[in-house]
Amino acid sequence: MHDYFDAQPEVPGVLTVAAPGSPWHVYGPDNRIVPVEEFAAQLRQHLGPEDKSVALYMSWSGVSPAPGVPSLADRVAKAMGMPVTGMDGFVWIDPAGRMRTTHQAFTVRNDIGPYGIRPGAEVFVSLAGGWAAGHEDRFPDQPELLLEAAAGWDIFMLCPDRALAGFEAAAAKGSAIGAYNAALIRLERAQPGDAAAALELFDRGAALGDAKSKEQAAKLRAAHP
């Protein structure tokens, strides 16, 4: 997948960005959710003087996840103050860097087994970040794999509620990033009790040595003394 994206030609005047993501979130290489404002700040650092817009090569980034909810691309555009486009479904990419989207993920046939690709075939991008979702019973005590599975529920299965449960399970097994991600999702969801639970999760991440969790816990306490 990395080779295929590297093969893409430059688009004059457009900053192109490929990252794991869902209709709700952007993920960093460590499976940490990157808040939109933070993501926009990162993109600004890479804008060239000729860049007038941004293209998010991320599955579902151009689609509203619910009525009245802006797409991820629209949220990034608002944060950056410039046009941002996204993708209208699951992204597939071929060796030349050509992309297409589908709304169906992939088909599994009993006589073939799980997803795989032949050399030189297209890659289904979301599966690279989502393969572990649903396999948690194979690694119940491995926090890094539980974290990857939780991210997969968001990126691949498009199920943020299952992702939240997975991140909390990863946090309970010692994943600081799992605690951080779970706290962010609870704050986004904003149901009764979510703010208090988010603070506990940030504290859990901080206790595990995560600086971002410690910073967010302090901000949350300042906002809700």
C-alpha atoms as a PDB file:
ATOM      1  CA  MET A   1       0.000   0.000   0.000  1.00  0.00           C
ATOM      2  CA  HIS A   2       2.811   2.403   0.841  1.00  0.00           C
ATOM      3  CA  ASP A   3       4.504   1.614  -2.460  1.00  0.00           C
ATOM      4  CA  TYR A   4       1.280   2.287  -4.348  1.00  0.00           C
ATOM      5  CA  PHE A   5       0.754   5.671  -2.695  1.00  0.00           C
ATOM      6  CA  ASP A   6       4.389   6.584  -3.361  1.00  0.00           C
ATOM      7  CA  ALA A   7       3.743   5.929  -7.060  1.00  0.00           C
ATOM      8  CA  GLN A   8       1.123   8.663  -7.263  1.00  0.00           C
ATOM      9  CA  PRO A   9       2.045  11.669  -9.390  1.00  0.00           C
ATOM     10  CA  GLU A  10       2.091  15.078  -7.732  1.00  0.00           C
ATOM     11  CA  VAL A  11      -1.060  17.169  -8.177  1.00  0.00           C
ATOM     12  CA  PRO A  12      -0.109  20.816  -8.844  1.00  0.00           C
ATOM     13  CA  GLY A  13      -1.570  23.181  -6.264  1.00  0.00           C
ATOM     14  CA  VAL A  14      -2.961  20.392  -4.072  1.00  0.00           C
ATOM     15  CA  LEU A  15      -1.553  18.942  -0.862  1.00  0.00           C
ATOM     16  CA  THR A  16      -2.487  15.254  -0.963  1.00  0.00           C
ATOM     17  CA  VAL A  17      -2.720  13.321   2.271  1.00  0.00           C
ATOM     18  CA  ALA A  18      -3.083   9.576   2.846  1.00  0.00           C
ATOM     19  CA  ALA A  19      -3.760   8.348   6.372  1.00  0.00           C
ATOM     20  CA  PRO A  20      -5.894   5.750   8.139  1.00  0.00           C
ATOM     21  CA  GLY A  21      -9.315   7.173   8.823  1.00  0.00           C
ATOM     22  CA  SER A  22     -13.072   6.814   9.030  1.00  0.00           C
ATOM     23  CA  PRO A  23     -16.019   9.175   8.579  1.00  0.00           C
ATOM     24  CA  TRP A  24     -15.357  10.339  12.146  1.00  0.00           C
ATOM     25  CA  HIS A  25     -11.622  10.242  12.786  1.00  0.00           C
ATOM     26  CA  VAL A  26      -8.075  10.558  11.493  1.00  0.00           C
ATOM     27  CA  TYR A  27      -5.538   8.087  12.885  1.00  0.00           C
ATOM     28  CA  GLY A  28      -1.803   8.496  13.254  1.00  0.00           C
ATOM     29  CA  PRO A  29       0.694   5.710  12.518  1.00  0.00           C
ATOM     30  CA  ASP A  30       0.473   4.563  16.163  1.00  0.00           C
ATOM     31  CA  ASN A  31      -3.346   4.165  15.979  1.00  0.00           C
ATOM     32  CA  ARG A  32      -3.848   7.336  18.010  1.00  0.00           C
ATOM     33  CA  ILE A  33      -6.847   9.462  17.007  1.00  0.00           C
ATOM     34  CA  VAL A  34      -5.646  12.863  15.795  1.00  0.00           C
ATOM     35  CA  PRO A  35      -8.200  15.616  16.605  1.00  0.00           C
ATOM     36  CA  VAL A  36      -9.168  17.733  13.599  1.00  0.00           C
ATOM     37  CA  GLU A  37      -7.542  20.928  14.900  1.00  0.00           C
ATOM     38  CA  GLU A  38      -4.284  19.064  15.537  1.00  0.00           C
ATOM     39  CA  PHE A  39      -4.487  17.391  12.132  1.00  0.00           C
ATOM     40  CA  ALA A  40      -5.075  20.770  10.440  1.00  0.00           C
ATOM     41  CA  ALA A  41      -2.030  22.200  12.223  1.00  0.00           C
ATOM     42  CA  GLN A  42       0.074  19.301  10.953  1.00  0.00           C
ATOM     43  CA  LEU A  43      -1.148  19.862   7.391  1.00  0.00           C
ATOM     44  CA  ARG A  44      -0.352  23.578   7.522  1.00  0.00           C
ATOM     45  CA  GLN A  45       3.293  22.697   8.165  1.00  0.00           C
ATOM     46  CA  HIS A  46       3.392  20.823   4.843  1.00  0.00           C
ATOM     47  CA  LEU A  47       1.582  23.373   2.689  1.00  0.00           C
ATOM     48  CA  GLY A  48       3.719  24.701  -0.131  1.00  0.00           C
ATOM     49  CA  PRO A  49       3.362  28.282  -1.404  1.00  0.00           C
ATOM     50  CA  GLU A  50       1.550  26.963  -4.469  1.00  0.00           C
ATOM     51  CA  ASP A  51      -0.917  24.754  -2.572  1.00  0.00           C
ATOM     52  CA  LYS A  52      -4.460  26.124  -2.715  1.00  0.00           C
ATOM     53  CA  SER A  53      -6.404  23.082  -1.506  1.00  0.00           C
ATOM     54  CA  VAL A  54      -6.062  19.738   0.285  1.00  0.00           C
ATOM     55  CA  ALA A  55      -7.163  16.276  -0.884  1.00  0.00           C
ATOM     56  CA  LEU A  56      -7.741  13.625   1.774  1.00  0.00           C
ATOM     57  CA  TYR A  57      -7.069  10.194   0.281  1.00  0.00           C
ATOM     58  CA  MET A  58      -8.869   8.543   3.181  1.00  0.00           C
ATOM     59  CA  SER A  59     -11.883   6.246   2.997  1.00  0.00           C
ATOM     60  CA  TRP A  60     -15.225   7.977   3.583  1.00  0.00           C
ATOM     61  CA  SER A  61     -13.540  11.305   4.370  1.00  0.00           C
ATOM     62  CA  GLY A  62     -15.890  13.190   2.044  1.00  0.00           C
ATOM     63  CA  VAL A  63     -19.124  11.665   3.353  1.00  0.00           C
ATOM     64  CA  SER A  64     -21.288  12.930   6.204  1.00  0.00           C
ATOM     65  CA  PRO A  65     -21.563  10.161   8.828  1.00  0.00           C
ATOM     66  CA  ALA A  66     -25.070  11.253   9.874  1.00  0.00           C
ATOM     67  CA  PRO A  67     -27.695  13.826   8.848  1.00  0.00           C
ATOM     68  CA  GLY A  68     -26.541  17.292   9.773  1.00  0.00           C
ATOM     69  CA  VAL A  69     -23.008  16.134  10.673  1.00  0.00           C
ATOM     70  CA  PRO A  70     -20.202  17.601   8.524  1.00  0.00           C
ATOM     71  CA  SER A  71     -17.890  15.228   6.720  1.00  0.00           C
ATOM     72  CA  LEU A  72     -14.324  14.881   7.918  1.00  0.00           C
ATOM     73  CA  ALA A  73     -13.182  16.866   4.869  1.00  0.00           C
ATOM     74  CA  ASP A  74     -15.597  19.693   5.724  1.00  0.00           C
ATOM     75  CA  ARG A  75     -14.344  19.777   9.319  1.00  0.00           C
ATOM     76  CA  VAL A  76     -10.728  19.937   8.171  1.00  0.00           C
ATOM     77  CA  ALA A  77     -11.630  22.638   5.638  1.00  0.00           C
ATOM     78  CA  LYS A  78     -13.198  24.745   8.391  1.00  0.00           C
ATOM     79  CA  ALA A  79     -10.130  24.305  10.604  1.00  0.00           C
ATOM     80  CA  MET A  80      -7.739  25.199   7.775  1.00  0.00           C
ATOM     81  CA  GLY A  81      -9.784  27.914   6.101  1.00  0.00           C
ATOM     82  CA  MET A  82      -9.257  26.440   2.640  1.00  0.00           C
ATOM     83  CA  PRO A  83     -10.956  23.890   0.338  1.00  0.00           C
ATOM     84  CA  VAL A  84     -10.557  20.247   1.335  1.00  0.00           C
ATOM     85  CA  THR A  85     -11.917  17.294  -0.622  1.00  0.00           C
ATOM     86  CA  GLY A  86     -12.432  13.736   0.584  1.00  0.00           C
ATOM     87  CA  MET A  87     -13.356  10.308  -0.743  1.00  0.00           C
ATOM     88  CA  ASP A  88     -16.901   9.012  -1.188  1.00  0.00           C
ATOM     89  CA  GLY A  89     -16.406   5.421  -0.013  1.00  0.00           C
ATOM     90  CA  PHE A  90     -13.805   2.765   0.707  1.00  0.00           C
ATOM     91  CA  VAL A  91     -10.569   3.550  -1.138  1.00  0.00           C
ATOM     92  CA  TRP A  92      -8.808   1.028  -3.360  1.00  0.00           C
ATOM     93  CA  ILE A  93      -5.425   1.812  -4.924  1.00  0.00           C
ATOM     94  CA  ASP A  94      -3.435   0.122  -7.679  1.00  0.00           C
ATOM     95  CA  PRO A  95       0.336  -0.045  -8.334  1.00  0.00           C
ATOM     96  CA  ALA A  96       0.270   3.174 -10.387  1.00  0.00           C
ATOM     97  CA  GLY A  97      -1.409   5.078  -7.557  1.00  0.00           C
ATOM     98  CA  ARG A  98      -4.810   5.173  -9.270  1.00  0.00           C
ATOM     99  CA  MET A  99      -7.688   5.142  -6.813  1.00  0.00           C
ATOM    100  CA  ARG A 100     -11.335   4.192  -6.892  1.00  0.00           C
ATOM    101  CA  THR A 101     -13.986   3.840  -4.221  1.00  0.00           C
ATOM    102  CA  THR A 102     -16.630   1.272  -3.394  1.00  0.00           C
ATOM    103  CA  HIS A 103     -19.400   1.120  -0.804  1.00  0.00           C
ATOM    104  CA  GLN A 104     -19.039  -2.615  -0.317  1.00  0.00           C
ATOM    105  CA  ALA A 105     -15.826  -3.533   1.473  1.00  0.00           C
ATOM    106  CA  PHE A 106     -15.001  -6.929  -0.023  1.00  0.00           C
ATOM    107  CA  THR A 107     -16.460 -10.371  -0.526  1.00  0.00           C
ATOM    108  CA  VAL A 108     -15.308 -13.522   1.236  1.00  0.00           C
ATOM    109  CA  ARG A 109     -16.074 -16.880  -0.366  1.00  0.00           C
ATOM    110  CA  ASN A 110     -15.860 -20.103   1.595  1.00  0.00           C
ATOM    111  CA  ASP A 111     -13.782 -21.780  -1.090  1.00  0.00           C
ATOM    112  CA  ILE A 112     -11.194 -18.971  -1.061  1.00  0.00           C
ATOM    113  CA  GLY A 113     -10.990 -17.880   2.549  1.00  0.00           C
ATOM    114  CA  PRO A 114     -10.015 -14.470   3.894  1.00  0.00           C
ATOM    115  CA  TYR A 115      -9.013 -11.455   1.873  1.00  0.00           C
ATOM    116  CA  GLY A 116      -5.728 -11.522   0.016  1.00  0.00           C
ATOM    117  CA  ILE A 117      -4.166  -9.912  -3.037  1.00  0.00           C
ATOM    118  CA  ARG A 118      -2.078 -11.128  -5.916  1.00  0.00           C
ATOM    119  CA  PRO A 119       1.185  -9.320  -6.719  1.00  0.00           C
ATOM    120  CA  GLY A 120       0.316  -6.196  -8.701  1.00  0.00           C
ATOM    121  CA  ALA A 121      -3.371  -6.256  -7.737  1.00  0.00           C
ATOM    122  CA  GLU A 122      -5.310  -3.444  -6.119  1.00  0.00           C
ATOM    123  CA  VAL A 123      -5.147  -2.980  -2.351  1.00  0.00           C
ATOM    124  CA  PHE A 124      -8.214  -2.360  -0.247  1.00  0.00           C
ATOM    125  CA  VAL A 125      -6.804   0.432   1.908  1.00  0.00           C
ATOM    126  CA  SER A 126      -9.092   0.232   4.954  1.00  0.00           C
ATOM    127  CA  LEU A 127      -8.276  -3.403   5.580  1.00  0.00           C
ATOM    128  CA  ALA A 128      -4.627  -2.513   6.146  1.00  0.00           C
ATOM    129  CA  GLY A 129      -5.736  -0.622   9.249  1.00  0.00           C
ATOM    130  CA  GLY A 130      -8.675  -2.813  10.121  1.00  0.00           C
ATOM    131  CA  TRP A 131      -7.673  -6.444   9.721  1.00  0.00           C
ATOM    132  CA  ALA A 132      -7.671  -7.159  13.469  1.00  0.00           C
ATOM    133  CA  ALA A 133     -11.275  -6.129  14.157  1.00  0.00           C
ATOM    134  CA  GLY A 134     -13.282  -9.114  15.331  1.00  0.00           C
ATOM    135  CA  HIS A 135     -10.219 -11.193  16.225  1.00  0.00           C
ATOM    136  CA  GLU A 136      -9.809  -9.952  19.784  1.00  0.00           C
ATOM    137  CA  ASP A 137     -10.309 -13.435  21.199  1.00  0.00           C
ATOM    138  CA  ARG A 138      -6.972 -14.419  19.642  1.00  0.00           C
ATOM    139  CA  PHE A 139      -4.976 -11.865  21.655  1.00  0.00           C
ATOM    140  CA  PRO A 140      -7.001 -10.972  24.778  1.00  0.00           C
ATOM    141  CA  ASP A 141      -3.948  -9.915  26.787  1.00  0.00           C
ATOM    142  CA  GLN A 142      -1.960  -8.033  24.140  1.00  0.00           C
ATOM    143  CA  PRO A 143      -2.729  -4.308  24.457  1.00  0.00           C
ATOM    144  CA  GLU A 144      -1.121  -3.254  21.166  1.00  0.00           C
ATOM    145  CA  LEU A 145      -3.163  -5.760  19.156  1.00  0.00           C
ATOM    146  CA  LEU A 146      -6.317  -4.868  21.092  1.00  0.00           C
ATOM    147  CA  LEU A 147      -5.627  -1.243  20.172  1.00  0.00           C
ATOM    148  CA  GLU A 148      -5.258  -2.191  16.513  1.00  0.00           C
ATOM    149  CA  ALA A 149      -8.486  -4.176  16.608  1.00  0.00           C
ATOM    150  CA  ALA A 150     -10.346  -1.263  18.192  1.00  0.00           C
ATOM    151  CA  ALA A 151      -9.098   1.106  15.488  1.00  0.00           C
ATOM    152  CA  GLY A 152     -10.261  -1.455  12.933  1.00  0.00           C
ATOM    153  CA  TRP A 153     -13.821  -1.273  14.215  1.00  0.00           C
ATOM    154  CA  ASP A 154     -13.766   2.427  13.303  1.00  0.00           C
ATOM    155  CA  ILE A 155     -11.654   2.370  10.129  1.00  0.00           C
ATOM    156  CA  PHE A 156     -12.885  -0.866   8.555  1.00  0.00           C
ATOM    157  CA  MET A 157     -16.169  -1.831  10.222  1.00  0.00           C
ATOM    158  CA  LEU A 158     -17.422   1.781  10.515  1.00  0.00           C
ATOM    159  CA  CYS A 159     -18.668   1.136  14.046  1.00  0.00           C
ATOM    160  CA  PRO A 160     -17.448   3.778  16.524  1.00  0.00           C
ATOM    161  CA  ASP A 161     -19.394   2.224  19.430  1.00  0.00           C
ATOM    162  CA  ARG A 162     -17.484  -1.045  19.023  1.00  0.00           C
ATOM    163  CA  ALA A 163     -14.298   0.970  18.619  1.00  0.00           C
ATOM    164  CA  LEU A 164     -14.985   2.698  21.949  1.00  0.00           C
ATOM    165  CA  ALA A 165     -15.497  -0.638  23.697  1.00  0.00           C
ATOM    166  CA  GLY A 166     -12.307  -1.935  22.117  1.00  0.00           C
ATOM    167  CA  PHE A 167     -10.239   1.082  23.124  1.00  0.00           C
ATOM    168  CA  GLU A 168     -11.473   0.754  26.695  1.00  0.00           C
ATOM    169  CA  ALA A 169     -10.559  -2.936  26.674  1.00  0.00           C
ATOM    170  CA  ALA A 170      -7.081  -2.044  25.387  1.00  0.00           C
ATOM    171  CA  ALA A 171      -6.755   0.605  28.098  1.00  0.00           C
ATOM    172  CA  ALA A 172      -7.651  -1.937  30.763  1.00  0.00           C
ATOM    173  CA  LYS A 173      -4.769  -4.103  29.508  1.00  0.00           C
ATOM    174  CA  GLY A 174      -2.268  -1.252  29.619  1.00  0.00           C
ATOM    175  CA  SER A 175      -2.641   0.706  26.364  1.00  0.00           C
ATOM    176  CA  ALA A 176      -2.222   4.427  27.025  1.00  0.00           C
ATOM    177  CA  ILE A 177      -3.308   5.270  23.466  1.00  0.00           C
ATOM    178  CA  GLY A 178      -6.388   3.091  23.930  1.00  0.00           C
ATOM    179  CA  ALA A 179      -7.307   5.167  26.997  1.00  0.00           C
ATOM    180  CA  TYR A 180      -6.683   8.412  25.095  1.00  0.00           C
ATOM    181  CA  ASN A 181      -8.787   7.347  22.103  1.00  0.00           C
ATOM    182  CA  ALA A 182     -11.640   6.120  24.289  1.00  0.00           C
ATOM    183  CA  ALA A 183     -11.676   9.427  26.157  1.00  0.00           C
ATOM    184  CA  LEU A 184     -11.867  11.408  22.904  1.00  0.00           C
ATOM    185  CA  ILE A 185     -14.761   9.316  21.602  1.00  0.00           C
ATOM    186  CA  ARG A 186     -16.658   9.724  24.883  1.00  0.00           C
ATOM    187  CA  LEU A 187     -16.201  13.497  24.729  1.00  0.00           C
ATOM    188  CA  GLU A 188     -17.452  13.506  21.118  1.00  0.00           C
ATOM    189  CA  ARG A 189     -20.447  11.351  22.047  1.00  0.00           C
ATOM    190  CA  ALA A 190     -21.302  13.585  25.022  1.00  0.00           C
ATOM    191  CA  GLN A 191     -23.855  11.303  26.623  1.00  0.00           C
ATOM    192  CA  PRO A 192     -24.605  11.484  30.369  1.00  0.00           C
ATOM    193  CA  GLY A 193     -21.548  10.358  32.304  1.00  0.00           C
ATOM    194  CA  ASP A 194     -19.204  10.560  29.311  1.00  0.00           C
ATOM    195  CA  ALA A 195     -17.265  13.609  30.556  1.00  0.00           C
ATOM    196  CA  ALA A 196     -16.504  11.934  33.898  1.00  0.00           C
ATOM    197  CA  ALA A 197     -15.568   8.682  32.148  1.00  0.00           C
ATOM    198  CA  ALA A 198     -13.336  10.596  29.728  1.00  0.00           C
ATOM    199  CA  LEU A 199     -11.470  12.200  32.621  1.00  0.00           C
ATOM    200  CA  GLU A 200     -10.895   8.793  34.194  1.00  0.00           C
ATOM    201  CA  LEU A 201      -9.582   7.507  30.883  1.00  0.00           C
ATOM    202  CA  PHE A 202      -7.244  10.467  30.407  1.00  0.00           C
ATOM    203  CA  ASP A 203      -5.979   9.882  33.944  1.00  0.00           C
ATOM    204  CA  ARG A 204      -5.454   6.217  33.057  1.00  0.00           C
ATOM    205  CA  GLY A 205      -3.448   7.204  29.988  1.00  0.00           C
ATOM    206  CA  ALA A 206      -1.424   9.709  32.016  1.00  0.00           C
ATOM    207  CA  ALA A 207      -0.661   7.056  34.635  1.00  0.00           C
ATOM    208  CA  LEU A 208       0.632   4.864  31.815  1.00  0.00           C
ATOM    209  CA  GLY A 209       3.042   7.621  30.802  1.00  0.00           C
ATOM    210  CA  ASP A 210       1.124   9.313  27.964  1.00  0.00           C
ATOM    211  CA  ALA A 211       1.848  13.052  27.806  1.00  0.00           C
ATOM    212  CA  LYS A 212      -1.147  13.830  25.588  1.00  0.00           C
ATOM    213  CA  SER A 213      -3.490  12.152  28.070  1.00  0.00           C
ATOM    214  CA  LYS A 214      -2.003  14.197  30.910  1.00  0.00           C
ATOM    215  CA  GLU A 215      -2.459  17.405  28.912  1.00  0.00           C
ATOM    216  CA  GLN A 216      -6.080  16.619  28.066  1.00  0.00           C
ATOM    217  CA  ALA A 217      -6.890  15.678  31.654  1.00  0.00           C
ATOM    218  CA  ALA A 218      -5.641  19.081  32.796  1.00  0.00           C
ATOM    219  CA  LYS A 219      -7.708  20.862  30.141  1.00  0.00           C
ATOM    220  CA  LEU A 220     -10.833  18.901  31.066  1.00  0.00           C
ATOM    221  CA  ARG A 221     -10.424  19.688  34.753  1.00  0.00           C
ATOM    222  CA  ALA A 222      -9.937  23.383  33.949  1.00  0.00           C
ATOM    223  CA  ALA A 223     -13.089  23.404  31.840  1.00  0.00           C
ATOM    224  CA  HIS A 224     -15.126  21.553  34.496  1.00  0.00           C
ATOM    225  CA  PRO A 225     -13.663  22.538  37.880  1.00  0.00           C
END
